N, C-alpha and C. Protein backbone atom coordinates (compact mmCIF):
# COMPACT_ATOMS: atom_id res chain seq x y z
N MET A 1 11.78 -77.14 -24.60
CA MET A 1 11.43 -77.19 -23.19
C MET A 1 12.45 -77.87 -22.34
N LYS A 2 13.22 -78.92 -22.95
CA LYS A 2 14.17 -79.52 -22.16
C LYS A 2 15.28 -78.58 -21.68
N ILE A 3 15.63 -77.68 -22.59
CA ILE A 3 16.64 -76.64 -22.13
C ILE A 3 16.12 -75.76 -21.10
N LEU A 4 14.84 -75.27 -21.25
CA LEU A 4 14.32 -74.44 -20.25
C LEU A 4 14.25 -75.20 -18.90
N ASN A 5 13.69 -76.37 -18.94
CA ASN A 5 13.76 -77.25 -17.78
C ASN A 5 15.01 -77.35 -17.01
N LYS A 6 16.10 -77.65 -17.83
CA LYS A 6 17.44 -77.80 -17.28
C LYS A 6 17.80 -76.38 -16.59
N ILE A 7 17.55 -75.35 -17.26
CA ILE A 7 18.02 -73.98 -16.72
C ILE A 7 17.33 -73.85 -15.47
N LEU A 8 15.95 -74.06 -15.33
CA LEU A 8 15.24 -73.89 -14.14
C LEU A 8 15.67 -74.77 -13.05
N GLU A 9 15.98 -76.00 -13.35
CA GLU A 9 16.62 -77.01 -12.44
C GLU A 9 17.81 -76.45 -11.71
N TYR A 10 18.74 -75.91 -12.70
CA TYR A 10 19.96 -75.32 -11.98
C TYR A 10 19.79 -74.23 -11.19
N VAL A 11 18.74 -73.29 -11.60
CA VAL A 11 18.40 -72.11 -10.81
C VAL A 11 17.87 -72.49 -9.44
N LEU A 12 16.92 -73.45 -9.48
CA LEU A 12 16.39 -73.96 -8.35
C LEU A 12 17.39 -74.60 -7.36
N ALA A 13 18.34 -75.41 -7.88
CA ALA A 13 19.42 -75.93 -7.16
C ALA A 13 20.29 -74.92 -6.46
N ILE A 14 20.65 -73.91 -7.24
CA ILE A 14 21.36 -72.75 -6.68
C ILE A 14 20.60 -72.05 -5.49
N LEU A 15 19.38 -71.90 -5.69
CA LEU A 15 18.65 -71.26 -4.67
C LEU A 15 18.49 -72.14 -3.45
N VAL A 16 18.49 -73.36 -3.55
CA VAL A 16 18.40 -74.27 -2.45
C VAL A 16 19.80 -74.16 -1.64
N VAL A 17 20.83 -74.11 -2.40
CA VAL A 17 22.16 -74.07 -1.84
C VAL A 17 22.29 -72.80 -1.06
N VAL A 18 21.79 -71.73 -1.68
CA VAL A 18 21.91 -70.39 -1.02
C VAL A 18 21.08 -70.36 0.32
N MET A 19 20.00 -71.05 0.33
CA MET A 19 19.09 -71.07 1.41
C MET A 19 19.79 -71.80 2.56
N VAL A 20 20.21 -73.05 2.15
CA VAL A 20 20.89 -73.90 3.16
C VAL A 20 22.14 -73.24 3.69
N ALA A 21 22.95 -72.53 2.88
CA ALA A 21 24.20 -71.91 3.28
C ALA A 21 23.75 -70.75 4.23
N GLY A 22 22.81 -69.90 3.86
CA GLY A 22 22.41 -68.96 4.65
C GLY A 22 21.89 -69.33 6.07
N CYS A 23 21.25 -70.44 6.13
CA CYS A 23 20.74 -70.96 7.40
C CYS A 23 21.82 -71.46 8.22
N ILE A 24 22.77 -72.14 7.59
CA ILE A 24 23.92 -72.69 8.32
C ILE A 24 24.69 -71.46 8.88
N TRP A 25 24.91 -70.44 8.13
CA TRP A 25 25.74 -69.29 8.45
C TRP A 25 25.03 -68.60 9.59
N GLN A 26 23.71 -68.52 9.66
CA GLN A 26 22.96 -67.83 10.77
C GLN A 26 23.18 -68.77 12.09
N ILE A 27 23.19 -69.99 11.92
CA ILE A 27 23.37 -70.79 13.14
C ILE A 27 24.69 -70.65 13.68
N VAL A 28 25.68 -70.74 12.79
CA VAL A 28 27.07 -70.45 13.15
C VAL A 28 27.30 -69.14 13.99
N THR A 29 26.90 -68.10 13.23
CA THR A 29 27.04 -66.70 13.87
C THR A 29 26.26 -66.61 15.15
N ARG A 30 25.06 -67.23 15.32
CA ARG A 30 24.23 -67.00 16.46
C ARG A 30 24.71 -67.77 17.57
N PHE A 31 25.01 -69.18 17.37
CA PHE A 31 25.37 -69.92 18.55
C PHE A 31 26.77 -70.15 18.84
N ILE A 32 27.66 -70.07 17.74
CA ILE A 32 29.01 -70.29 17.92
C ILE A 32 29.84 -68.99 18.15
N LEU A 33 29.58 -67.99 17.25
CA LEU A 33 30.23 -66.78 17.33
C LEU A 33 29.45 -65.78 18.26
N GLN A 34 28.34 -66.10 18.77
CA GLN A 34 27.51 -65.27 19.63
C GLN A 34 27.35 -63.90 19.14
N ASN A 35 27.27 -63.72 17.72
CA ASN A 35 27.09 -62.39 17.06
C ASN A 35 26.16 -62.67 15.80
N PRO A 36 24.90 -62.77 16.04
CA PRO A 36 24.03 -63.14 14.81
C PRO A 36 24.17 -62.20 13.67
N SER A 37 24.19 -62.83 12.53
CA SER A 37 24.19 -61.99 11.25
C SER A 37 22.86 -61.44 11.01
N ASP A 38 22.84 -60.26 10.53
CA ASP A 38 21.54 -59.58 10.32
C ASP A 38 21.00 -59.71 8.88
N TRP A 39 21.86 -60.13 8.03
CA TRP A 39 21.43 -60.21 6.61
C TRP A 39 21.05 -61.59 6.20
N THR A 40 21.27 -62.71 6.92
CA THR A 40 20.96 -64.00 6.43
C THR A 40 19.53 -64.34 6.32
N GLU A 41 18.72 -63.73 7.33
CA GLU A 41 17.35 -64.08 7.28
C GLU A 41 16.73 -63.44 6.01
N GLU A 42 17.09 -62.26 5.69
CA GLU A 42 16.52 -61.64 4.48
C GLU A 42 16.88 -62.28 3.12
N LEU A 43 18.31 -62.68 3.18
CA LEU A 43 18.78 -63.48 2.04
C LEU A 43 17.88 -64.76 1.81
N VAL A 44 17.71 -65.55 2.95
CA VAL A 44 16.90 -66.78 2.72
C VAL A 44 15.46 -66.53 2.32
N ARG A 45 14.92 -65.48 3.03
CA ARG A 45 13.49 -65.16 2.70
C ARG A 45 13.39 -64.80 1.19
N TYR A 46 14.26 -64.02 0.50
CA TYR A 46 14.19 -63.68 -0.80
C TYR A 46 14.53 -64.82 -1.77
N ALA A 47 15.45 -65.66 -1.28
CA ALA A 47 15.77 -66.91 -1.97
C ALA A 47 14.57 -67.82 -2.13
N LEU A 48 13.82 -67.86 -0.96
CA LEU A 48 12.53 -68.68 -0.95
C LEU A 48 11.52 -68.14 -1.93
N ILE A 49 11.39 -66.73 -1.92
CA ILE A 49 10.42 -66.18 -2.78
C ILE A 49 10.83 -66.46 -4.27
N TRP A 50 12.13 -66.31 -4.60
CA TRP A 50 12.45 -66.66 -6.05
C TRP A 50 12.37 -68.06 -6.26
N MET A 51 12.64 -68.93 -5.30
CA MET A 51 12.48 -70.33 -5.51
C MET A 51 11.02 -70.72 -5.85
N THR A 52 10.09 -70.03 -5.15
CA THR A 52 8.73 -70.24 -5.43
C THR A 52 8.33 -69.75 -6.82
N MET A 53 8.77 -68.56 -7.23
CA MET A 53 8.43 -68.01 -8.47
C MET A 53 9.08 -68.79 -9.65
N VAL A 54 10.19 -69.51 -9.41
CA VAL A 54 10.72 -70.32 -10.46
C VAL A 54 10.26 -71.74 -10.42
N GLY A 55 9.97 -72.16 -9.26
CA GLY A 55 9.50 -73.64 -8.97
C GLY A 55 8.00 -73.86 -9.49
N VAL A 56 7.21 -72.84 -9.34
CA VAL A 56 5.73 -72.99 -9.79
C VAL A 56 5.80 -73.38 -11.25
N PRO A 57 6.28 -72.44 -12.12
CA PRO A 57 6.27 -72.84 -13.61
C PRO A 57 7.04 -74.13 -13.87
N TYR A 58 8.11 -74.36 -13.14
CA TYR A 58 8.77 -75.58 -13.46
C TYR A 58 7.91 -76.84 -13.17
N ALA A 59 7.30 -76.96 -12.02
CA ALA A 59 6.50 -77.94 -11.59
C ALA A 59 5.26 -78.07 -12.61
N TYR A 60 4.73 -76.88 -12.98
CA TYR A 60 3.60 -76.83 -13.93
C TYR A 60 4.03 -77.50 -15.33
N GLY A 61 5.17 -76.99 -15.76
CA GLY A 61 5.66 -77.57 -17.04
C GLY A 61 5.96 -79.06 -17.05
N LYS A 62 6.32 -79.52 -15.95
CA LYS A 62 6.65 -80.99 -15.88
C LYS A 62 5.44 -81.80 -15.47
N GLN A 63 4.22 -81.10 -15.26
CA GLN A 63 3.12 -81.62 -14.85
C GLN A 63 3.21 -82.33 -13.59
N GLN A 64 3.96 -81.78 -12.65
CA GLN A 64 4.17 -82.42 -11.31
C GLN A 64 3.49 -81.62 -10.20
N HIS A 65 2.62 -80.67 -10.55
CA HIS A 65 1.77 -79.91 -9.56
C HIS A 65 0.55 -80.74 -9.17
N ILE A 66 -0.08 -80.22 -8.10
CA ILE A 66 -1.14 -80.88 -7.57
C ILE A 66 -2.47 -80.72 -8.58
N ALA A 67 -3.15 -81.77 -8.80
CA ALA A 67 -4.25 -81.63 -9.59
C ALA A 67 -5.40 -82.48 -9.04
N VAL A 68 -6.68 -81.99 -9.07
CA VAL A 68 -7.82 -82.75 -8.60
C VAL A 68 -8.49 -83.29 -9.86
N THR A 69 -8.46 -84.55 -10.03
CA THR A 69 -8.87 -85.15 -11.24
C THR A 69 -10.19 -86.11 -11.14
N PHE A 70 -10.75 -86.15 -9.89
CA PHE A 70 -11.85 -87.11 -9.72
C PHE A 70 -13.08 -86.71 -10.72
N ILE A 71 -13.15 -85.56 -11.15
CA ILE A 71 -14.26 -85.20 -11.96
C ILE A 71 -13.92 -85.47 -13.50
N THR A 72 -12.66 -85.05 -13.84
CA THR A 72 -12.25 -85.23 -15.19
C THR A 72 -11.93 -86.70 -15.52
N ASP A 73 -11.75 -87.58 -14.53
CA ASP A 73 -11.62 -88.96 -14.79
C ASP A 73 -12.84 -89.63 -15.27
N THR A 74 -13.85 -89.01 -15.04
CA THR A 74 -15.26 -89.57 -15.66
C THR A 74 -15.47 -89.12 -17.07
N PHE A 75 -14.79 -88.26 -17.58
CA PHE A 75 -14.89 -87.61 -18.91
C PHE A 75 -14.40 -88.70 -19.96
N THR A 76 -15.02 -88.56 -21.23
CA THR A 76 -14.39 -89.20 -22.30
C THR A 76 -13.05 -88.66 -22.70
N LYS A 77 -12.30 -89.33 -23.47
CA LYS A 77 -11.05 -88.72 -23.90
C LYS A 77 -11.20 -87.30 -24.55
N LYS A 78 -12.22 -87.20 -25.45
CA LYS A 78 -12.50 -86.00 -26.12
C LYS A 78 -12.89 -84.89 -24.99
N GLY A 79 -13.75 -85.26 -24.00
CA GLY A 79 -14.14 -84.37 -22.97
C GLY A 79 -12.91 -83.93 -22.04
N THR A 80 -12.07 -84.83 -21.84
CA THR A 80 -10.92 -84.48 -21.02
C THR A 80 -9.98 -83.56 -21.87
N LEU A 81 -9.80 -83.76 -23.09
CA LEU A 81 -8.99 -82.79 -23.87
C LEU A 81 -9.62 -81.39 -24.00
N LYS A 82 -11.00 -81.33 -24.08
CA LYS A 82 -11.76 -79.96 -24.10
C LYS A 82 -11.48 -79.36 -22.75
N ASP A 83 -11.45 -80.09 -21.61
CA ASP A 83 -11.29 -79.62 -20.28
C ASP A 83 -9.87 -79.06 -20.23
N LYS A 84 -8.93 -79.79 -20.66
CA LYS A 84 -7.53 -79.39 -20.61
C LYS A 84 -7.25 -78.12 -21.49
N ILE A 85 -7.89 -78.06 -22.65
CA ILE A 85 -7.70 -76.89 -23.45
C ILE A 85 -8.29 -75.61 -22.64
N PHE A 86 -9.46 -75.79 -22.14
CA PHE A 86 -10.11 -74.65 -21.38
C PHE A 86 -9.16 -74.26 -20.22
N ILE A 87 -8.56 -75.18 -19.43
CA ILE A 87 -7.72 -74.83 -18.31
C ILE A 87 -6.40 -74.16 -18.95
N GLU A 88 -5.95 -74.59 -19.91
CA GLU A 88 -4.74 -73.90 -20.41
C GLU A 88 -5.00 -72.47 -20.96
N ILE A 89 -6.14 -72.25 -21.49
CA ILE A 89 -6.52 -70.96 -21.91
C ILE A 89 -6.84 -70.09 -20.67
N LEU A 90 -7.38 -70.61 -19.60
CA LEU A 90 -7.50 -69.92 -18.35
C LEU A 90 -6.18 -69.54 -17.73
N VAL A 91 -5.30 -70.51 -17.70
CA VAL A 91 -3.96 -70.32 -17.16
C VAL A 91 -3.18 -69.24 -17.91
N LEU A 92 -3.27 -69.30 -19.28
CA LEU A 92 -2.64 -68.31 -20.08
C LEU A 92 -3.20 -66.98 -19.77
N PHE A 93 -4.42 -66.76 -19.64
CA PHE A 93 -5.18 -65.46 -19.27
C PHE A 93 -4.60 -64.92 -17.92
N LEU A 94 -4.73 -65.82 -16.91
CA LEU A 94 -4.19 -65.35 -15.61
C LEU A 94 -2.70 -65.00 -15.59
N SER A 95 -1.88 -65.80 -16.35
CA SER A 95 -0.45 -65.69 -16.44
C SER A 95 -0.11 -64.33 -17.00
N VAL A 96 -0.87 -64.04 -18.05
CA VAL A 96 -0.56 -62.73 -18.76
C VAL A 96 -0.98 -61.52 -17.97
N PHE A 97 -2.26 -61.60 -17.53
CA PHE A 97 -2.75 -60.28 -16.95
C PHE A 97 -2.60 -60.20 -15.46
N VAL A 98 -2.54 -61.33 -14.75
CA VAL A 98 -2.34 -61.22 -13.32
C VAL A 98 -0.91 -61.25 -12.96
N MET A 99 -0.15 -62.28 -13.45
CA MET A 99 1.16 -62.53 -12.98
C MET A 99 2.01 -61.54 -13.64
N THR A 100 2.02 -61.46 -15.04
CA THR A 100 2.92 -60.67 -15.72
C THR A 100 2.65 -59.17 -15.69
N ALA A 101 1.52 -58.77 -16.14
CA ALA A 101 1.13 -57.31 -16.21
C ALA A 101 1.07 -56.87 -14.74
N GLY A 102 0.39 -57.53 -13.80
CA GLY A 102 0.26 -57.15 -12.45
C GLY A 102 1.65 -57.16 -11.83
N GLY A 103 2.38 -58.14 -12.07
CA GLY A 103 3.75 -58.09 -11.44
C GLY A 103 4.62 -56.98 -11.92
N ILE A 104 4.54 -56.53 -13.15
CA ILE A 104 5.39 -55.45 -13.63
C ILE A 104 4.85 -54.28 -12.93
N MET A 105 3.58 -54.01 -12.76
CA MET A 105 3.03 -52.83 -11.97
C MET A 105 3.59 -52.75 -10.53
N VAL A 106 3.55 -53.98 -9.89
CA VAL A 106 4.07 -53.97 -8.50
C VAL A 106 5.50 -53.68 -8.56
N SER A 107 6.27 -54.25 -9.36
CA SER A 107 7.65 -54.05 -9.51
C SER A 107 8.04 -52.58 -9.84
N MET A 108 7.23 -51.88 -10.62
CA MET A 108 7.51 -50.48 -10.93
C MET A 108 7.16 -49.60 -9.66
N ASN A 109 6.04 -50.11 -8.91
CA ASN A 109 5.76 -49.31 -7.63
C ASN A 109 6.85 -49.40 -6.60
N ALA A 110 7.72 -50.38 -6.62
CA ALA A 110 8.77 -50.67 -5.60
C ALA A 110 9.99 -49.86 -6.07
N ALA A 111 9.98 -49.03 -7.17
CA ALA A 111 11.24 -48.28 -7.58
C ALA A 111 11.65 -47.35 -6.50
N GLY A 112 12.82 -47.35 -6.27
CA GLY A 112 13.40 -46.49 -5.18
C GLY A 112 13.43 -47.12 -3.81
N GLN A 113 12.81 -48.27 -3.55
CA GLN A 113 12.81 -48.90 -2.30
C GLN A 113 14.10 -49.80 -2.35
N VAL A 114 14.71 -49.97 -1.14
CA VAL A 114 15.83 -50.85 -0.93
C VAL A 114 15.53 -51.84 0.22
N SER A 115 16.04 -52.99 0.08
CA SER A 115 15.83 -53.94 1.12
C SER A 115 16.78 -53.44 2.34
N PRO A 116 16.22 -53.57 3.55
CA PRO A 116 17.06 -53.05 4.74
C PRO A 116 18.28 -53.73 5.03
N ALA A 117 18.41 -54.94 4.96
CA ALA A 117 19.59 -55.61 5.43
C ALA A 117 20.69 -55.84 4.20
N LEU A 118 20.17 -56.18 3.06
CA LEU A 118 21.15 -56.42 1.94
C LEU A 118 21.27 -55.22 1.17
N GLY A 119 20.39 -54.20 1.21
CA GLY A 119 20.62 -52.95 0.39
C GLY A 119 20.27 -53.13 -1.05
N ILE A 120 19.69 -54.25 -1.43
CA ILE A 120 19.30 -54.46 -2.86
C ILE A 120 18.06 -53.81 -3.19
N PRO A 121 17.86 -53.33 -4.40
CA PRO A 121 16.62 -52.72 -4.87
C PRO A 121 15.49 -53.63 -4.71
N MET A 122 14.45 -53.25 -4.21
CA MET A 122 13.29 -54.08 -4.04
C MET A 122 12.60 -54.57 -5.37
N GLN A 123 12.91 -53.75 -6.41
CA GLN A 123 12.34 -54.23 -7.76
C GLN A 123 13.02 -55.59 -8.12
N PHE A 124 14.23 -55.94 -7.65
CA PHE A 124 14.79 -57.22 -7.98
C PHE A 124 13.92 -58.34 -7.41
N TYR A 125 13.47 -58.14 -6.25
CA TYR A 125 12.48 -59.22 -5.54
C TYR A 125 11.11 -59.22 -6.26
N TYR A 126 10.54 -58.11 -6.51
CA TYR A 126 9.32 -58.10 -7.10
C TYR A 126 9.20 -58.61 -8.49
N ILE A 127 10.26 -58.41 -9.26
CA ILE A 127 10.32 -58.82 -10.60
C ILE A 127 10.15 -60.38 -10.79
N GLY A 128 10.26 -61.03 -9.65
CA GLY A 128 10.04 -62.58 -9.72
C GLY A 128 8.60 -62.97 -10.20
N VAL A 129 7.62 -62.06 -9.83
CA VAL A 129 6.23 -62.30 -10.22
C VAL A 129 6.06 -62.30 -11.79
N PRO A 130 6.41 -61.33 -12.36
CA PRO A 130 6.27 -61.37 -13.87
C PRO A 130 7.24 -62.42 -14.57
N VAL A 131 8.42 -62.66 -13.91
CA VAL A 131 9.19 -63.71 -14.46
C VAL A 131 8.44 -65.08 -14.36
N CYS A 132 7.77 -65.29 -13.24
CA CYS A 132 6.94 -66.44 -13.11
C CYS A 132 5.74 -66.52 -14.11
N GLY A 133 5.21 -65.27 -14.36
CA GLY A 133 4.03 -65.17 -15.31
C GLY A 133 4.58 -65.55 -16.68
N VAL A 134 5.64 -65.03 -17.05
CA VAL A 134 6.17 -65.35 -18.39
C VAL A 134 6.60 -66.80 -18.62
N LEU A 135 7.21 -67.34 -17.59
CA LEU A 135 7.42 -68.80 -17.68
C LEU A 135 6.31 -69.68 -17.84
N MET A 136 5.13 -69.29 -17.02
CA MET A 136 3.85 -69.95 -17.04
C MET A 136 3.20 -69.87 -18.49
N VAL A 137 3.32 -68.63 -19.04
CA VAL A 137 2.83 -68.48 -20.38
C VAL A 137 3.56 -69.43 -21.42
N VAL A 138 4.89 -69.47 -21.31
CA VAL A 138 5.63 -70.45 -22.21
C VAL A 138 5.08 -71.92 -21.96
N TYR A 139 5.02 -72.34 -20.72
CA TYR A 139 4.57 -73.60 -20.51
C TYR A 139 3.12 -73.94 -20.88
N ALA A 140 2.27 -72.88 -20.56
CA ALA A 140 0.88 -73.17 -20.85
C ALA A 140 0.69 -73.15 -22.39
N ALA A 141 1.33 -72.17 -23.07
CA ALA A 141 1.29 -72.15 -24.63
C ALA A 141 1.69 -73.43 -25.15
N GLU A 142 2.67 -74.06 -24.70
CA GLU A 142 3.18 -75.30 -25.29
C GLU A 142 2.23 -76.39 -25.11
N ARG A 143 1.63 -76.40 -23.84
CA ARG A 143 0.67 -77.43 -23.53
C ARG A 143 -0.64 -77.21 -24.36
N LEU A 144 -1.07 -75.99 -24.46
CA LEU A 144 -2.24 -75.70 -25.20
C LEU A 144 -2.18 -76.19 -26.63
N ILE A 145 -0.95 -75.84 -27.26
CA ILE A 145 -0.75 -76.43 -28.61
C ILE A 145 -0.78 -77.81 -28.72
N ARG A 146 -0.08 -78.54 -27.66
CA ARG A 146 -0.15 -79.94 -27.67
C ARG A 146 -1.44 -80.53 -27.51
N PHE A 147 -2.32 -79.96 -26.69
CA PHE A 147 -3.66 -80.51 -26.52
C PHE A 147 -4.51 -80.22 -27.61
N ILE A 148 -4.46 -79.09 -28.35
CA ILE A 148 -5.22 -78.77 -29.55
C ILE A 148 -4.86 -79.89 -30.51
N LYS A 149 -3.56 -80.15 -30.75
CA LYS A 149 -3.17 -81.19 -31.73
C LYS A 149 -3.71 -82.44 -31.44
N GLU A 150 -3.62 -82.83 -30.14
CA GLU A 150 -4.21 -84.17 -29.83
C GLU A 150 -5.77 -84.28 -29.98
N PHE A 151 -6.52 -83.16 -29.78
CA PHE A 151 -7.91 -83.01 -30.09
C PHE A 151 -8.24 -83.13 -31.51
N LYS A 152 -7.40 -82.47 -32.36
CA LYS A 152 -7.62 -82.60 -33.76
C LYS A 152 -7.47 -83.99 -34.32
N GLU A 153 -6.43 -84.74 -33.78
CA GLU A 153 -6.08 -86.06 -34.13
C GLU A 153 -7.19 -86.93 -33.68
N LEU A 154 -7.70 -86.65 -32.47
CA LEU A 154 -8.83 -87.49 -32.00
C LEU A 154 -10.09 -87.45 -32.93
N LYS A 155 -10.36 -86.05 -33.32
CA LYS A 155 -11.47 -85.91 -34.18
C LYS A 155 -11.37 -86.53 -35.57
N LYS A 156 -10.08 -86.58 -36.13
CA LYS A 156 -9.92 -87.34 -37.36
C LYS A 156 -10.14 -88.79 -37.08
N GLU A 157 -9.70 -89.35 -36.12
CA GLU A 157 -9.91 -90.75 -35.76
C GLU A 157 -11.29 -91.17 -35.65
N GLU A 158 -12.19 -90.25 -35.22
CA GLU A 158 -13.55 -90.53 -35.08
C GLU A 158 -14.36 -90.47 -36.43
N LYS A 159 -13.68 -89.86 -37.40
CA LYS A 159 -14.42 -89.78 -38.72
C LYS A 159 -14.17 -91.05 -39.52
């Protein structure tokens, strides 16, 4: 997971640099050169989409996503682990069927379409959804295995 986290960190950093450079270039061309660039807005928009599709699983994997815990804080350790296992199963289900399978269908429907300003196939942009789904599956599976091991250890301690 450490290697995957590092790769995603680099991808996210590159996307931020692309977005900042695109915004700066747009400002320069619009206000200094008086001839606004027509492709920078699209570049920044799609970089933001990819940043989201890579950032969501990254934050989820590092457990830095938002979580509402006021209910689970009242559970016992065993109850909390059962809840976490249920949540990971739900995340796996949604990641496989909604994000991955649904994203592949959307990407296939975009075949033949080209982005107006950059001229890049739209499938390149839509493929971010199943990529996000696959990354979520990897992180959720790792967490599910970890929580099941913790639950088994807790049951052994109770005996």
